[in-house]
Amino acid sequence: MAERPLGVTIVAILWIIGGLITLFGGIGFVVLFGEALGSLMEPFGVIYMILGILGIILGIGALSAWSWVWTGGIVITIIDLIMGFASFFSTGLISIVISALILWYLFRPDVKAYFGKT
């Protein structure tokens, strides 16, 4: 296995932090809006919690060089890129730039080698 590139560590930390924020946001969504607006809004909070857990798992997997994390990271980053275009006029531009950089980085030869995708 190749040595972990510094950028993978940075992306992994970003995935973990983003996952924690999304997880706690989902919990807050269920607790606050679920009570106020009834069970109609709870599924959105549950979806956020699942996405948060997935982000945490991707971050841990990136630090551990799990080979499927590269593919999962590509899929999640493309979804983030699409969501960035959907919210272009609020925070979308920052999201688009970050997602594009992560996507470009994941296709670098040393990163692919780290995940065993050469």
C-alpha atoms as a PDB file:
ATOM      1  CA  MET A   1       0.000   0.000   0.000  1.00  0.00           C
ATOM      2  CA  ALA A   2       1.229   3.469  -0.867  1.00  0.00           C
ATOM      3  CA  GLU A   3       1.890   6.059   1.821  1.00  0.00           C
ATOM      4  CA  ARG A   4      -1.112   8.278   2.571  1.00  0.00           C
ATOM      5  CA  PRO A   5      -0.845  11.611   0.744  1.00  0.00           C
ATOM      6  CA  LEU A   6      -1.339  14.735   2.859  1.00  0.00           C
ATOM      7  CA  GLY A   7      -4.316  15.776   0.716  1.00  0.00           C
ATOM      8  CA  VAL A   8      -6.123  12.520   1.533  1.00  0.00           C
ATOM      9  CA  THR A   9      -5.728  13.325   5.221  1.00  0.00           C
ATOM     10  CA  ILE A  10      -7.158  16.805   4.632  1.00  0.00           C
ATOM     11  CA  VAL A  11     -10.101  15.468   2.584  1.00  0.00           C
ATOM     12  CA  ALA A  12     -10.748  12.789   5.209  1.00  0.00           C
ATOM     13  CA  ILE A  13     -10.851  15.391   7.977  1.00  0.00           C
ATOM     14  CA  LEU A  14     -13.214  17.533   5.888  1.00  0.00           C
ATOM     15  CA  TRP A  15     -15.487  14.513   5.328  1.00  0.00           C
ATOM     16  CA  ILE A  16     -15.502  13.734   9.056  1.00  0.00           C
ATOM     17  CA  ILE A  17     -16.217  17.348  10.060  1.00  0.00           C
ATOM     18  CA  GLY A  18     -18.888  17.675   7.368  1.00  0.00           C
ATOM     19  CA  GLY A  19     -20.380  14.360   8.452  1.00  0.00           C
ATOM     20  CA  LEU A  20     -20.561  15.458  12.079  1.00  0.00           C
ATOM     21  CA  ILE A  21     -22.188  18.764  11.143  1.00  0.00           C
ATOM     22  CA  THR A  22     -24.697  16.987   8.900  1.00  0.00           C
ATOM     23  CA  LEU A  23     -25.408  14.329  11.532  1.00  0.00           C
ATOM     24  CA  PHE A  24     -26.057  16.858  14.291  1.00  0.00           C
ATOM     25  CA  GLY A  25     -28.026  19.031  11.873  1.00  0.00           C
ATOM     26  CA  GLY A  26     -30.224  16.037  11.076  1.00  0.00           C
ATOM     27  CA  ILE A  27     -30.724  15.308  14.764  1.00  0.00           C
ATOM     28  CA  GLY A  28     -31.637  18.942  15.360  1.00  0.00           C
ATOM     29  CA  PHE A  29     -33.988  18.877  12.386  1.00  0.00           C
ATOM     30  CA  VAL A  30     -35.824  15.842  13.768  1.00  0.00           C
ATOM     31  CA  VAL A  31     -35.996  17.219  17.301  1.00  0.00           C
ATOM     32  CA  LEU A  32     -36.936  20.807  16.481  1.00  0.00           C
ATOM     33  CA  PHE A  33     -38.981  20.586  13.307  1.00  0.00           C
ATOM     34  CA  GLY A  34     -40.321  17.100  13.963  1.00  0.00           C
ATOM     35  CA  GLU A  35     -41.974  18.362  17.128  1.00  0.00           C
ATOM     36  CA  ALA A  36     -43.197  21.612  15.629  1.00  0.00           C
ATOM     37  CA  LEU A  37     -44.351  20.364  12.239  1.00  0.00           C
ATOM     38  CA  GLY A  38     -45.178  16.743  12.961  1.00  0.00           C
ATOM     39  CA  SER A  39     -43.908  13.591  11.356  1.00  0.00           C
ATOM     40  CA  LEU A  40     -44.017  15.108   7.863  1.00  0.00           C
ATOM     41  CA  MET A  41     -40.568  16.676   8.328  1.00  0.00           C
ATOM     42  CA  GLU A  42     -38.859  13.834  10.221  1.00  0.00           C
ATOM     43  CA  PRO A  43     -37.767  11.899   7.109  1.00  0.00           C
ATOM     44  CA  PHE A  44     -35.639  14.867   6.019  1.00  0.00           C
ATOM     45  CA  GLY A  45     -33.826  14.821   9.340  1.00  0.00           C
ATOM     46  CA  VAL A  46     -33.289  11.071   9.079  1.00  0.00           C
ATOM     47  CA  ILE A  47     -31.843  11.510   5.575  1.00  0.00           C
ATOM     48  CA  TYR A  48     -29.434  14.140   6.917  1.00  0.00           C
ATOM     49  CA  MET A  49     -28.422  11.809   9.744  1.00  0.00           C
ATOM     50  CA  ILE A  50     -27.719   8.988   7.272  1.00  0.00           C
ATOM     51  CA  LEU A  51     -25.675  11.319   5.058  1.00  0.00           C
ATOM     52  CA  GLY A  52     -23.758  12.505   8.124  1.00  0.00           C
ATOM     53  CA  ILE A  53     -22.921   8.967   9.169  1.00  0.00           C
ATOM     54  CA  LEU A  54     -21.848   8.206   5.594  1.00  0.00           C
ATOM     55  CA  GLY A  55     -19.524  11.233   5.615  1.00  0.00           C
ATOM     56  CA  ILE A  56     -17.941  10.095   8.878  1.00  0.00           C
ATOM     57  CA  ILE A  57     -17.462   6.571   7.509  1.00  0.00           C
ATOM     58  CA  LEU A  58     -15.903   7.960   4.301  1.00  0.00           C
ATOM     59  CA  GLY A  59     -13.479  10.056   6.351  1.00  0.00           C
ATOM     60  CA  ILE A  60     -12.445   7.131   8.534  1.00  0.00           C
ATOM     61  CA  GLY A  61     -12.165   4.905   5.471  1.00  0.00           C
ATOM     62  CA  ALA A  62      -9.983   7.448   3.697  1.00  0.00           C
ATOM     63  CA  LEU A  63      -7.619   7.487   6.659  1.00  0.00           C
ATOM     64  CA  SER A  64      -7.592   3.676   6.629  1.00  0.00           C
ATOM     65  CA  ALA A  65      -7.195   3.313   2.814  1.00  0.00           C
ATOM     66  CA  TRP A  66     -10.375   1.293   2.325  1.00  0.00           C
ATOM     67  CA  SER A  67     -10.494   0.766  -1.445  1.00  0.00           C
ATOM     68  CA  TRP A  68     -14.255   1.330  -1.791  1.00  0.00           C
ATOM     69  CA  VAL A  69     -13.905   4.797  -0.244  1.00  0.00           C
ATOM     70  CA  TRP A  70     -12.370   6.134  -3.463  1.00  0.00           C
ATOM     71  CA  THR A  71     -15.479   5.130  -5.447  1.00  0.00           C
ATOM     72  CA  GLY A  72     -17.808   6.326  -2.705  1.00  0.00           C
ATOM     73  CA  GLY A  73     -15.923   9.598  -2.491  1.00  0.00           C
ATOM     74  CA  ILE A  74     -16.301  10.142  -6.235  1.00  0.00           C
ATOM     75  CA  VAL A  75     -20.065   9.495  -6.031  1.00  0.00           C
ATOM     76  CA  ILE A  76     -20.582  11.724  -2.975  1.00  0.00           C
ATOM     77  CA  THR A  77     -18.441  14.498  -4.448  1.00  0.00           C
ATOM     78  CA  ILE A  78     -20.421  14.451  -7.711  1.00  0.00           C
ATOM     79  CA  ILE A  79     -23.651  14.658  -5.688  1.00  0.00           C
ATOM     80  CA  ASP A  80     -22.171  17.589  -3.729  1.00  0.00           C
ATOM     81  CA  LEU A  81     -21.215  19.239  -7.012  1.00  0.00           C
ATOM     82  CA  ILE A  82     -24.766  18.900  -8.347  1.00  0.00           C
ATOM     83  CA  MET A  83     -26.195  20.232  -5.086  1.00  0.00           C
ATOM     84  CA  GLY A  84     -23.774  23.158  -5.333  1.00  0.00           C
ATOM     85  CA  PHE A  85     -25.200  24.053  -8.737  1.00  0.00           C
ATOM     86  CA  ALA A  86     -28.721  23.755  -7.297  1.00  0.00           C
ATOM     87  CA  SER A  87     -27.868  26.267  -4.549  1.00  0.00           C
ATOM     88  CA  PHE A  88     -25.588  28.414  -6.691  1.00  0.00           C
ATOM     89  CA  PHE A  89     -26.873  31.774  -5.467  1.00  0.00           C
ATOM     90  CA  SER A  90     -26.430  31.050  -1.748  1.00  0.00           C
ATOM     91  CA  THR A  91     -23.392  28.964  -0.832  1.00  0.00           C
ATOM     92  CA  GLY A  92     -23.205  27.069  -4.109  1.00  0.00           C
ATOM     93  CA  LEU A  93     -20.124  28.727  -5.554  1.00  0.00           C
ATOM     94  CA  ILE A  94     -17.943  27.744  -2.589  1.00  0.00           C
ATOM     95  CA  SER A  95     -19.397  24.234  -2.633  1.00  0.00           C
ATOM     96  CA  ILE A  96     -18.799  23.914  -6.381  1.00  0.00           C
ATOM     97  CA  VAL A  97     -15.156  24.979  -6.082  1.00  0.00           C
ATOM     98  CA  ILE A  98     -14.446  22.662  -3.125  1.00  0.00           C
ATOM     99  CA  SER A  99     -16.199  19.694  -4.757  1.00  0.00           C
ATOM    100  CA  ALA A 100     -14.397  20.274  -8.069  1.00  0.00           C
ATOM    101  CA  LEU A 101     -11.028  20.408  -6.292  1.00  0.00           C
ATOM    102  CA  ILE A 102     -11.761  17.214  -4.326  1.00  0.00           C
ATOM    103  CA  LEU A 103     -12.932  15.462  -7.495  1.00  0.00           C
ATOM    104  CA  TRP A 104      -9.790  16.539  -9.362  1.00  0.00           C
ATOM    105  CA  TYR A 105      -7.630  15.451  -6.419  1.00  0.00           C
ATOM    106  CA  LEU A 106      -9.209  12.000  -6.135  1.00  0.00           C
ATOM    107  CA  PHE A 107      -8.181  11.273  -9.729  1.00  0.00           C
ATOM    108  CA  ARG A 108      -4.489  12.047  -9.155  1.00  0.00           C
ATOM    109  CA  PRO A 109      -2.281   8.969  -9.685  1.00  0.00           C
ATOM    110  CA  ASP A 110      -0.802   8.984  -6.159  1.00  0.00           C
ATOM    111  CA  VAL A 111      -4.273   9.178  -4.580  1.00  0.00           C
ATOM    112  CA  LYS A 112      -5.599   6.383  -6.766  1.00  0.00           C
ATOM    113  CA  ALA A 113      -2.535   4.289  -5.865  1.00  0.00           C
ATOM    114  CA  TYR A 114      -3.170   4.897  -2.152  1.00  0.00           C
ATOM    115  CA  PHE A 115      -6.669   3.448  -2.549  1.00  0.00           C
ATOM    116  CA  GLY A 116      -5.412   0.622  -4.751  1.00  0.00           C
ATOM    117  CA  LYS A 117      -7.091   1.939  -7.910  1.00  0.00           C
ATOM    118  CA  THR A 118      -4.088   1.937 -10.266  1.00  0.00           C
END
